[in-house]
Amino acid sequence: MNRDFFRSIEKIINPVIRPEYDPGFLPLGKFLLWYQKLAEKSPFEVRIGLERENGLLSTWTTRLLPLTSENLMLNLVYVERLIKFLLWQKGGWKIYFSGPEIIYHQLKKLYSSGGERKFDTNLMSTVYEKPFEVVITPPEHFPEERESQLILGGHFDGCRLGFDLGASDFKVAALQDGRVVFSEEIPWNPQVQPDPDYHYQHLQAGLKKAASYLPEVQAIGGSAAGIYINNQVRIASLFRAVPPEIFEKKVKCLFINLQKEWGVPLEVINDGEVTALAGYLTLNRTGVLGIAMGSSEAGGFLNRAGYLPGWLDELAFAPVDLNPEAAVDEWSGDRGVGAMYFSQQAVNKLALAAGFDFPEEEKLPERLKKIQALVEEGHDRALRIFRDIGVYLGYTAQLYSLFYDFSTLMILGRVTSGPGGELIKEEAEQVLAQEFPELKEKIEIYLTDEKSRRVGQAVAAATLPEIKKR
């Protein structure tokens, strides 16, 4: 990594507000915006396409600076980070690239089984069950965009169960004709369990408890971190300890088996998508980008027409920080990705930088609770941790605005519980006001009430399936 190059970038984009415990934070959104303005009159056009399930295809067009030796590093960094973000926003098993061959060859090397982005290629191959590839495509043969729109959620009729599966607890809720008659958080520890019967039995017990508050169950909706296609589990951190051969046999169709057992309509989608749906149901607004800050970061988007576009929206792996010394995400191996900025991992990272010590055996949820308790007491360093996350959020709201058309940024999840959530919101609004006043007028950062921050996704998930009329 050429640190001199990034130091020169830092001088150019120069963040006005910096996180106290992460002063090297280099907002990717400011870099992308600066580069795009610099290259807006360039004749060098690049087109990018990402193909995912069922032939669906998302496209992106941008311009590159002149292909001089001085611009080579700048062009490579711009295209690589752009594609990395698009891949985790849209999803895909195949990248179409129409542009300079020198950049294409670099991308093909990066996104190979032995390249720096091997995690991305392996995971996308698993998700879409196709070998990952990068192909160069002449402009005249570039494929046309083909998107879909999911119409899910907002069904309040009948007796419904909802669940939201987190890493340290899961939530269940029971709704009767739109009224929440029961909700509860249930502690568990799924990420270290190699036997998926643990997950299945715990979830079943929670659902049966919630069902006891209803005269009958007519539909079940679920929210969980990970990637789900047609109710199949493709990738999920909750099952990280499950061996691959057992995953294929017992985890992949876990929710399909659950549906058979209950005998009612069941829909499971990514918890980020449910966050966006919760925003719509709470505020009666469209154009909602939802960010759930829990064990990781989950993202979801409801467009202005009121539809879920069906993108991947795995923003935990999408880059937000260009600092070459940014913290490394242990799962993906990449630096500066969302999981390290909007999650329990972010609180832990900043707490250590602030000088807090934790017993080695203490897990992240317990560390978060300790810091949140100190926030309640007005502890200066603890307060600053959540303000720093707010700085991250303000700059990242601008980044997300380059890729999503939204007017409401809804934040929730365990990290936003208590006074820390208000600190995050206030600091993010301050960043928008000082750095991006035009966005401050366009984007409202919405923090749900305390109860909804913790169980709101389970309630929103319950509205996912449509009850078929008999």
Protein backbone atom coordinates (compact mmCIF):
# COMPACT_ATOMS: atom_id res chain seq x y z
CA MET A 1 0.00 0.00 0.00
CA ASN A 2 1.44 3.35 -1.10
CA ARG A 3 1.06 5.47 2.06
CA ASP A 4 2.49 8.59 0.39
CA PHE A 5 -0.32 8.36 -2.16
CA PHE A 6 -2.98 8.19 0.54
CA ARG A 7 -1.39 11.01 2.50
CA SER A 8 -1.71 13.19 -0.58
CA ILE A 9 -5.38 12.17 -0.89
CA GLU A 10 -5.94 13.03 2.77
CA LYS A 11 -4.60 16.55 2.21
CA ILE A 12 -6.98 17.03 -0.71
CA ILE A 13 -10.22 15.79 0.87
CA ASN A 14 -9.25 16.92 4.43
CA PRO A 15 -12.19 15.92 6.68
CA VAL A 16 -13.39 18.90 8.73
CA ILE A 17 -14.50 16.70 11.64
CA ARG A 18 -12.40 13.71 12.68
CA PRO A 19 -13.18 10.87 15.10
CA GLU A 20 -11.15 11.53 18.24
CA TYR A 21 -10.19 7.87 18.66
CA ASP A 22 -9.68 7.22 14.94
CA PRO A 23 -8.06 10.41 13.56
CA GLY A 24 -6.82 8.63 10.42
CA PHE A 25 -10.38 8.03 9.17
CA LEU A 26 -10.45 8.97 5.48
CA PRO A 27 -14.06 9.14 4.24
CA LEU A 28 -14.45 7.18 1.02
CA GLY A 29 -17.46 9.26 -0.02
CA LYS A 30 -15.47 12.50 -0.07
CA PHE A 31 -12.81 10.82 -2.20
CA LEU A 32 -15.33 9.42 -4.70
CA LEU A 33 -17.08 12.78 -5.00
CA TRP A 34 -13.78 14.64 -5.47
CA TYR A 35 -12.61 12.16 -8.12
CA GLN A 36 -15.92 12.23 -10.02
CA LYS A 37 -15.91 16.02 -10.19
CA LEU A 38 -12.29 15.96 -11.38
CA ALA A 39 -13.13 13.44 -14.12
CA GLU A 40 -16.59 14.67 -15.13
CA LYS A 41 -15.37 16.19 -18.43
CA SER A 42 -13.00 13.36 -19.29
CA PRO A 43 -13.73 11.47 -22.54
CA PHE A 44 -12.77 8.12 -20.93
CA GLU A 45 -15.99 6.31 -20.05
CA VAL A 46 -16.15 3.09 -18.05
CA ARG A 47 -19.18 0.83 -17.72
CA ILE A 48 -19.61 -1.77 -15.00
CA GLY A 49 -22.25 -4.49 -14.87
CA LEU A 50 -22.99 -6.94 -12.06
CA GLU A 51 -25.06 -10.03 -12.80
CA ARG A 52 -26.82 -11.86 -9.98
CA GLU A 53 -29.61 -14.46 -9.67
CA ASN A 54 -32.12 -15.13 -12.45
CA GLY A 55 -30.19 -13.01 -14.98
CA LEU A 56 -30.78 -9.79 -13.04
CA LEU A 57 -28.18 -7.17 -13.86
CA SER A 58 -27.22 -3.79 -12.35
CA THR A 59 -25.11 -1.31 -14.32
CA TRP A 60 -23.01 1.74 -13.49
CA THR A 61 -21.36 4.30 -15.76
CA THR A 62 -18.51 6.57 -14.71
CA ARG A 63 -15.55 8.47 -16.17
CA LEU A 64 -11.82 8.05 -15.63
CA LEU A 65 -9.08 10.61 -15.61
CA PRO A 66 -6.71 10.53 -18.63
CA LEU A 67 -4.69 7.32 -18.68
CA THR A 68 -1.32 8.80 -17.80
CA SER A 69 1.28 7.19 -15.54
CA GLU A 70 0.60 9.91 -12.94
CA ASN A 71 -3.09 9.01 -12.84
CA LEU A 72 -2.69 5.22 -12.88
CA MET A 73 -2.79 4.70 -9.09
CA LEU A 74 -5.64 7.17 -8.71
CA ASN A 75 -7.70 5.44 -11.41
CA LEU A 76 -7.01 1.98 -9.98
CA VAL A 77 -7.99 2.97 -6.44
CA TYR A 78 -11.14 4.70 -7.67
CA VAL A 79 -12.34 1.80 -9.83
CA GLU A 80 -11.42 -0.89 -7.30
CA ARG A 81 -13.22 0.78 -4.37
CA LEU A 82 -16.19 1.64 -6.60
CA ILE A 83 -16.59 -1.95 -7.75
CA LYS A 84 -16.07 -3.27 -4.23
CA PHE A 85 -18.94 -1.09 -2.99
CA LEU A 86 -21.21 -1.95 -5.93
CA LEU A 87 -20.56 -5.67 -5.49
CA TRP A 88 -21.76 -5.63 -1.90
CA GLN A 89 -24.59 -3.21 -2.60
CA LYS A 90 -26.01 -5.01 -5.62
CA GLY A 91 -24.57 -8.52 -5.38
CA GLY A 92 -23.30 -10.58 -8.29
CA TRP A 93 -21.39 -13.58 -9.54
CA LYS A 94 -20.15 -11.88 -12.71
CA ILE A 95 -18.59 -8.45 -13.32
CA TYR A 96 -18.79 -6.99 -16.82
CA PHE A 97 -16.17 -4.33 -17.42
CA SER A 98 -15.99 -1.98 -20.38
CA GLY A 99 -12.87 0.17 -20.05
CA PRO A 100 -9.06 0.22 -20.19
CA GLU A 101 -7.42 -3.21 -20.39
CA ILE A 102 -4.79 -2.28 -17.79
CA ILE A 103 -7.53 -1.78 -15.21
CA TYR A 104 -9.43 -4.87 -16.35
CA HIS A 105 -6.34 -7.06 -15.82
CA GLN A 106 -5.86 -5.59 -12.35
CA LEU A 107 -9.49 -6.33 -11.48
CA LYS A 108 -9.26 -9.87 -12.82
CA LYS A 109 -6.18 -10.46 -10.67
CA LEU A 110 -7.78 -8.98 -7.55
CA TYR A 111 -11.03 -10.92 -7.97
CA SER A 112 -9.48 -14.36 -8.43
CA SER A 113 -9.23 -17.36 -6.13
CA GLY A 114 -5.70 -16.28 -5.13
CA GLY A 115 -6.20 -12.50 -5.28
CA GLU A 116 -6.69 -9.92 -2.54
CA ARG A 117 -10.46 -10.15 -2.98
CA LYS A 118 -10.63 -13.93 -2.77
CA PHE A 119 -13.07 -13.66 0.15
CA ASP A 120 -15.46 -11.70 -2.08
CA THR A 121 -15.13 -14.10 -5.01
CA ASN A 122 -15.55 -17.21 -2.86
CA LEU A 123 -18.52 -15.82 -0.99
CA MET A 124 -20.30 -14.59 -4.12
CA SER A 125 -19.71 -17.97 -5.75
CA THR A 126 -21.35 -19.59 -2.74
CA VAL A 127 -24.27 -17.18 -2.68
CA TYR A 128 -25.13 -17.46 -6.36
CA GLU A 129 -23.88 -21.03 -6.83
CA LYS A 130 -21.84 -20.08 -9.90
CA PRO A 131 -18.08 -19.57 -10.40
CA PHE A 132 -17.19 -15.90 -9.98
CA GLU A 133 -15.72 -14.17 -13.03
CA VAL A 134 -14.64 -10.79 -14.38
CA VAL A 135 -15.02 -10.29 -18.14
CA ILE A 136 -14.07 -7.42 -20.42
CA THR A 137 -16.91 -6.38 -22.68
CA PRO A 138 -16.86 -4.02 -25.69
CA PRO A 139 -19.33 -1.12 -25.36
CA GLU A 140 -21.43 -2.37 -28.27
CA HIS A 141 -21.95 -5.75 -26.54
CA PHE A 142 -22.49 -4.44 -23.03
CA PRO A 143 -25.61 -6.09 -21.51
CA GLU A 144 -28.71 -4.09 -20.64
CA GLU A 145 -29.76 -3.47 -17.06
CA ARG A 146 -32.41 -5.82 -15.71
CA GLU A 147 -33.73 -5.13 -12.22
CA SER A 148 -36.59 -6.56 -10.17
CA GLN A 149 -38.79 -5.14 -7.45
CA LEU A 150 -39.86 -7.13 -4.42
CA ILE A 151 -43.24 -6.29 -2.96
CA LEU A 152 -43.05 -7.59 0.58
CA GLY A 153 -44.29 -6.44 3.93
CA GLY A 154 -46.94 -4.16 5.31
CA HIS A 155 -49.46 -6.95 5.87
CA PHE A 156 -51.13 -6.52 9.28
CA ASP A 157 -54.13 -8.79 8.96
CA GLY A 158 -54.50 -11.97 10.96
CA CYS A 159 -52.32 -13.63 13.58
CA ARG A 160 -48.61 -13.37 12.85
CA LEU A 161 -45.25 -14.26 14.32
CA GLY A 162 -42.04 -12.34 13.64
CA PHE A 163 -38.44 -13.02 14.51
CA ASP A 164 -35.13 -11.20 14.20
CA LEU A 165 -31.99 -13.29 14.66
CA GLY A 166 -29.00 -11.47 16.14
CA ALA A 167 -25.62 -12.69 17.31
CA SER A 168 -26.15 -12.18 21.05
CA ASP A 169 -29.93 -12.48 21.24
CA PHE A 170 -32.91 -13.01 19.01
CA LYS A 171 -36.26 -11.27 19.17
CA VAL A 172 -39.72 -12.73 18.71
CA ALA A 173 -43.03 -10.93 18.40
CA ALA A 174 -46.67 -11.85 18.08
CA LEU A 175 -49.13 -9.60 16.22
CA GLN A 176 -52.91 -9.86 16.07
CA ASP A 177 -54.50 -7.64 13.41
CA GLY A 178 -51.58 -5.23 13.62
CA ARG A 179 -51.45 -5.06 17.42
CA VAL A 180 -48.31 -6.30 19.15
CA VAL A 181 -49.51 -8.70 21.85
CA PHE A 182 -46.08 -10.09 22.77
CA SER A 183 -42.42 -9.34 22.17
CA GLU A 184 -39.27 -10.58 23.85
CA GLU A 185 -35.49 -10.69 23.50
CA ILE A 186 -33.99 -14.11 24.10
CA PRO A 187 -30.23 -14.49 24.77
CA TRP A 188 -28.29 -17.10 22.80
CA ASN A 189 -24.81 -17.74 21.41
CA PRO A 190 -25.23 -19.09 17.85
CA GLN A 191 -21.91 -18.19 16.23
CA VAL A 192 -19.90 -20.82 18.12
CA GLN A 193 -22.44 -23.66 17.74
CA PRO A 194 -21.38 -26.31 15.18
CA ASP A 195 -24.73 -28.15 15.38
CA PRO A 196 -27.56 -26.28 13.61
CA ASP A 197 -30.08 -28.13 15.77
CA TYR A 198 -29.09 -25.56 18.42
CA HIS A 199 -30.33 -22.72 16.16
CA TYR A 200 -33.46 -24.56 15.09
CA GLN A 201 -34.53 -25.60 18.58
CA HIS A 202 -33.94 -22.17 20.10
CA LEU A 203 -35.89 -20.45 17.34
CA GLN A 204 -38.72 -22.97 17.57
CA ALA A 205 -38.96 -22.50 21.34
CA GLY A 206 -39.14 -18.73 20.92
CA LEU A 207 -41.80 -18.95 18.22
CA LYS A 208 -43.90 -21.37 20.26
CA LYS A 209 -43.76 -19.05 23.24
CA ALA A 210 -44.90 -16.13 21.07
CA ALA A 211 -47.59 -18.30 19.48
CA SER A 212 -49.06 -19.01 22.92
CA TYR A 213 -50.28 -15.40 22.95
CA LEU A 214 -52.32 -15.88 19.76
CA PRO A 215 -55.48 -17.91 19.06
CA GLU A 216 -53.76 -19.30 15.93
CA VAL A 217 -50.73 -18.65 13.69
CA GLN A 218 -51.43 -17.69 10.08
CA ALA A 219 -48.05 -16.33 8.93
CA ILE A 220 -44.41 -16.05 10.01
CA GLY A 221 -41.86 -13.46 8.93
CA GLY A 222 -38.17 -13.45 9.73
CA SER A 223 -35.18 -11.14 9.74
CA ALA A 224 -31.59 -12.34 10.01
CA ALA A 225 -28.08 -11.19 9.21
CA GLY A 226 -26.80 -12.82 6.05
CA ILE A 227 -27.92 -13.56 2.53
CA TYR A 228 -31.20 -15.33 1.81
CA ILE A 229 -32.57 -16.24 -1.60
CA ASN A 230 -36.03 -17.85 -1.86
CA ASN A 231 -35.93 -18.57 1.89
CA GLN A 232 -32.66 -20.47 1.48
CA VAL A 233 -29.69 -19.59 3.68
CA ARG A 234 -26.77 -18.87 1.37
CA ILE A 235 -24.39 -17.10 3.79
CA ALA A 236 -24.97 -16.18 7.44
CA SER A 237 -22.56 -15.35 10.24
CA LEU A 238 -24.92 -17.04 12.71
CA PHE A 239 -23.82 -20.38 11.25
CA ARG A 240 -20.09 -19.68 10.97
CA ALA A 241 -19.18 -22.63 13.20
CA VAL A 242 -21.23 -25.14 11.21
CA PRO A 243 -19.04 -27.38 8.98
CA PRO A 244 -19.72 -26.90 5.23
CA GLU A 245 -21.11 -30.39 4.67
CA ILE A 246 -23.58 -29.98 7.55
CA PHE A 247 -24.47 -26.47 6.39
CA GLU A 248 -25.48 -27.84 3.00
CA LYS A 249 -27.61 -30.60 4.53
CA LYS A 250 -29.22 -28.88 7.52
CA VAL A 251 -28.82 -25.09 7.32
CA LYS A 252 -29.48 -24.20 3.69
CA CYS A 253 -33.15 -25.26 3.88
CA LEU A 254 -33.65 -24.58 7.59
CA PHE A 255 -36.39 -21.98 7.03
CA ILE A 256 -38.06 -24.06 4.34
CA ASN A 257 -38.27 -26.90 6.87
CA LEU A 258 -39.57 -24.47 9.46
CA GLN A 259 -42.33 -23.43 7.07
CA LYS A 260 -43.31 -27.05 6.47
CA GLU A 261 -43.53 -27.67 10.20
CA TRP A 262 -45.76 -24.67 10.86
CA GLY A 263 -47.75 -25.06 7.64
CA VAL A 264 -48.25 -21.31 7.07
CA PRO A 265 -46.74 -18.70 4.70
CA LEU A 266 -43.20 -17.80 5.78
CA GLU A 267 -40.77 -15.21 4.41
CA VAL A 268 -37.19 -14.59 5.57
CA ILE A 269 -35.09 -11.70 4.33
CA ASN A 270 -31.94 -9.87 5.33
CA ASP A 271 -32.22 -7.87 8.55
CA GLY A 272 -31.14 -4.71 6.76
CA GLU A 273 -34.07 -4.95 4.37
CA VAL A 274 -36.36 -5.38 7.36
CA THR A 275 -34.81 -2.24 8.87
CA ALA A 276 -35.87 -0.27 5.78
CA LEU A 277 -39.31 -1.86 5.93
CA ALA A 278 -39.55 -0.88 9.61
CA GLY A 279 -38.82 2.70 8.59
CA TYR A 280 -41.65 2.63 6.08
CA LEU A 281 -44.09 1.10 8.58
CA THR A 282 -43.07 3.51 11.35
CA LEU A 283 -43.01 6.72 9.33
CA ASN A 284 -45.23 5.90 6.34
CA ARG A 285 -42.39 7.08 4.07
CA THR A 286 -40.59 5.63 1.09
CA GLY A 287 -37.00 6.35 0.08
CA VAL A 288 -35.71 4.79 3.31
CA LEU A 289 -32.20 3.48 3.85
CA GLY A 290 -32.05 1.41 7.03
CA ILE A 291 -28.89 0.73 9.00
CA ALA A 292 -28.97 -1.80 11.83
CA MET A 293 -25.99 -1.58 14.18
CA GLY A 294 -25.69 -4.86 16.04
CA SER A 295 -23.10 -7.62 16.01
CA SER A 296 -22.34 -6.36 12.50
CA GLU A 297 -23.81 -3.75 10.17
CA ALA A 298 -26.92 -4.59 8.19
CA GLY A 299 -28.32 -2.41 5.44
CA GLY A 300 -31.59 -2.33 3.56
CA PHE A 301 -33.24 -0.01 1.08
CA LEU A 302 -36.87 0.76 0.25
CA ASN A 303 -36.99 2.84 -2.91
CA ARG A 304 -39.21 5.86 -3.52
CA ALA A 305 -41.81 3.67 -5.23
CA GLY A 306 -42.12 1.66 -2.01
CA TYR A 307 -40.35 -1.48 -3.23
CA LEU A 308 -37.34 -3.46 -2.04
CA PRO A 309 -35.10 -3.60 -5.14
CA GLY A 310 -33.84 -7.09 -4.26
CA TRP A 311 -30.19 -6.04 -4.03
CA LEU A 312 -27.73 -7.65 -1.66
CA ASP A 313 -27.18 -4.56 0.52
CA GLU A 314 -24.51 -6.33 2.59
CA LEU A 315 -23.05 -3.02 3.71
CA ALA A 316 -20.97 -4.72 6.41
CA PHE A 317 -18.49 -5.59 3.64
CA ALA A 318 -18.86 -2.36 1.62
CA PRO A 319 -15.92 0.06 2.12
CA VAL A 320 -16.39 3.36 3.96
CA ASP A 321 -12.81 4.33 4.92
CA LEU A 322 -9.87 4.83 2.55
CA ASN A 323 -7.24 4.93 5.31
CA PRO A 324 -4.57 2.31 4.37
CA GLU A 325 -4.12 1.60 8.09
CA ALA A 326 -7.81 1.19 8.87
CA ALA A 327 -8.89 -1.74 11.03
CA VAL A 328 -9.11 -5.09 9.27
CA ASP A 329 -12.38 -6.99 9.29
CA GLU A 330 -11.50 -10.47 10.55
CA TRP A 331 -13.96 -12.24 8.26
CA SER A 332 -13.38 -10.55 4.89
CA GLY A 333 -9.76 -9.57 5.52
CA ASP A 334 -10.37 -6.12 3.99
CA ARG A 335 -9.71 -2.76 5.60
CA GLY A 336 -12.18 0.03 6.18
CA VAL A 337 -15.43 -1.88 5.62
CA GLY A 338 -18.72 -1.00 7.30
CA ALA A 339 -18.72 -3.77 9.91
CA MET A 340 -15.83 -2.05 11.70
CA TYR A 341 -17.67 1.30 11.91
CA PHE A 342 -21.33 0.55 12.69
CA SER A 343 -21.47 -2.40 15.06
CA GLN A 344 -20.35 -3.84 18.38
CA GLN A 345 -16.98 -4.29 16.68
CA ALA A 346 -16.81 -0.52 16.15
CA VAL A 347 -17.51 0.17 19.82
CA ASN A 348 -14.83 -2.32 20.83
CA LYS A 349 -12.28 -0.84 18.39
CA LEU A 350 -12.87 2.69 19.63
CA ALA A 351 -13.00 1.65 23.30
CA LEU A 352 -9.56 0.04 23.03
CA ALA A 353 -8.24 3.17 21.30
CA ALA A 354 -9.73 5.23 24.14
CA GLY A 355 -7.73 3.24 26.70
CA PHE A 356 -10.41 0.91 28.06
CA ASP A 357 -9.28 -2.57 29.10
CA PHE A 358 -11.41 -5.68 28.93
CA PRO A 359 -10.78 -9.25 30.11
CA GLU A 360 -9.71 -11.28 27.08
CA GLU A 361 -12.55 -13.75 27.56
CA GLU A 362 -15.20 -10.99 27.65
CA LYS A 363 -17.34 -11.04 24.52
CA LEU A 364 -18.32 -7.99 22.49
CA PRO A 365 -21.94 -7.80 23.76
CA GLU A 366 -20.68 -7.59 27.36
CA ARG A 367 -18.11 -4.95 26.40
CA LEU A 368 -20.82 -2.93 24.70
CA LYS A 369 -22.99 -3.09 27.82
CA LYS A 370 -20.10 -1.82 29.95
CA ILE A 371 -19.48 1.15 27.68
CA GLN A 372 -23.20 1.93 27.45
CA ALA A 373 -23.45 1.86 31.26
CA LEU A 374 -20.60 4.39 31.42
CA VAL A 375 -22.45 6.57 28.90
CA GLU A 376 -25.46 6.56 31.25
CA GLU A 377 -23.12 7.89 33.96
CA GLY A 378 -21.77 10.64 31.69
CA HIS A 379 -18.26 9.18 31.35
CA ASP A 380 -16.38 11.45 28.91
CA ARG A 381 -14.40 8.79 27.03
CA ALA A 382 -17.45 6.55 26.70
CA LEU A 383 -19.53 9.46 25.36
CA ARG A 384 -16.81 10.23 22.80
CA ILE A 385 -16.95 6.64 21.45
CA PHE A 386 -20.55 7.13 20.32
CA ARG A 387 -19.80 10.62 19.02
CA ASP A 388 -17.03 9.07 16.92
CA ILE A 389 -19.50 6.56 15.49
CA GLY A 390 -21.68 9.57 14.70
CA VAL A 391 -18.77 11.14 12.78
CA TYR A 392 -18.45 7.90 10.82
CA LEU A 393 -22.19 7.95 10.13
CA GLY A 394 -22.29 11.54 8.91
CA TYR A 395 -19.57 10.97 6.34
CA THR A 396 -20.96 7.57 5.38
CA ALA A 397 -24.43 9.05 4.86
CA GLN A 398 -22.84 11.15 2.12
CA LEU A 399 -21.17 8.03 0.68
CA TYR A 400 -24.45 6.13 0.67
CA SER A 401 -26.18 9.06 -1.06
CA LEU A 402 -23.95 8.46 -4.09
CA PHE A 403 -25.43 4.96 -4.46
CA TYR A 404 -28.95 5.18 -2.99
CA ASP A 405 -31.75 7.68 -3.56
CA PHE A 406 -33.09 8.14 -0.02
CA SER A 407 -34.44 10.92 2.18
CA THR A 408 -34.63 9.02 5.48
CA LEU A 409 -31.65 7.29 7.05
CA MET A 410 -33.10 5.08 9.75
CA ILE A 411 -30.75 3.75 12.42
CA LEU A 412 -31.46 1.11 15.02
CA GLY A 413 -29.92 -1.93 16.67
CA ARG A 414 -28.28 -2.65 20.01
CA VAL A 415 -25.46 -0.12 19.47
CA THR A 416 -28.05 2.68 19.23
CA SER A 417 -29.74 1.74 22.53
CA GLY A 418 -29.70 4.29 25.34
CA PRO A 419 -28.18 7.79 25.15
CA GLY A 420 -25.49 6.56 22.75
CA GLY A 421 -28.02 6.48 19.92
CA GLU A 422 -28.81 10.17 20.38
CA LEU A 423 -25.09 10.99 20.42
CA ILE A 424 -24.59 9.11 17.15
CA LYS A 425 -27.49 10.97 15.55
CA GLU A 426 -26.41 14.41 16.81
CA GLU A 427 -22.82 14.03 15.65
CA ALA A 428 -23.85 12.69 12.24
CA GLU A 429 -26.15 15.68 11.76
CA GLN A 430 -23.29 17.98 12.71
CA VAL A 431 -21.07 16.43 10.02
CA LEU A 432 -23.79 16.84 7.40
CA ALA A 433 -24.37 20.46 8.41
CA GLN A 434 -20.69 21.40 8.21
CA GLU A 435 -19.48 19.26 5.31
CA PHE A 436 -22.58 18.62 3.18
CA PRO A 437 -25.21 21.32 3.87
CA GLU A 438 -27.15 20.34 0.73
CA LEU A 439 -27.57 16.83 2.15
CA LYS A 440 -28.51 18.14 5.59
CA GLU A 441 -31.59 19.62 3.94
CA LYS A 442 -32.34 16.44 1.99
CA ILE A 443 -31.65 13.64 4.50
CA GLU A 444 -33.30 13.10 7.86
CA ILE A 445 -31.50 10.76 10.24
CA TYR A 446 -34.22 8.98 12.16
CA LEU A 447 -33.61 7.13 15.42
CA THR A 448 -36.46 4.85 16.47
CA ASP A 449 -37.81 4.77 20.00
CA GLU A 450 -35.99 2.62 22.54
CA LYS A 451 -38.33 -0.39 22.30
CA SER A 452 -38.36 -0.37 18.50
CA ARG A 453 -34.56 -0.12 18.34
CA ARG A 454 -34.39 -3.51 19.98
CA VAL A 455 -37.44 -5.49 18.82
CA GLY A 456 -38.79 -3.37 15.93
CA GLN A 457 -37.28 -5.63 13.28
CA ALA A 458 -39.14 -8.66 14.63
CA VAL A 459 -42.41 -6.73 14.46
CA ALA A 460 -41.71 -5.46 10.94
CA ALA A 461 -40.66 -8.96 9.84
CA ALA A 462 -44.01 -10.34 10.99
CA THR A 463 -45.72 -8.25 8.28
CA LEU A 464 -43.68 -9.81 5.44
CA PRO A 465 -45.88 -12.71 4.26
CA GLU A 466 -49.27 -12.34 2.64
CA ILE A 467 -51.96 -14.55 4.16
CA LYS A 468 -53.75 -16.39 1.39
CA LYS A 469 -57.48 -16.12 1.59
CA ARG A 470 -59.21 -19.46 1.89
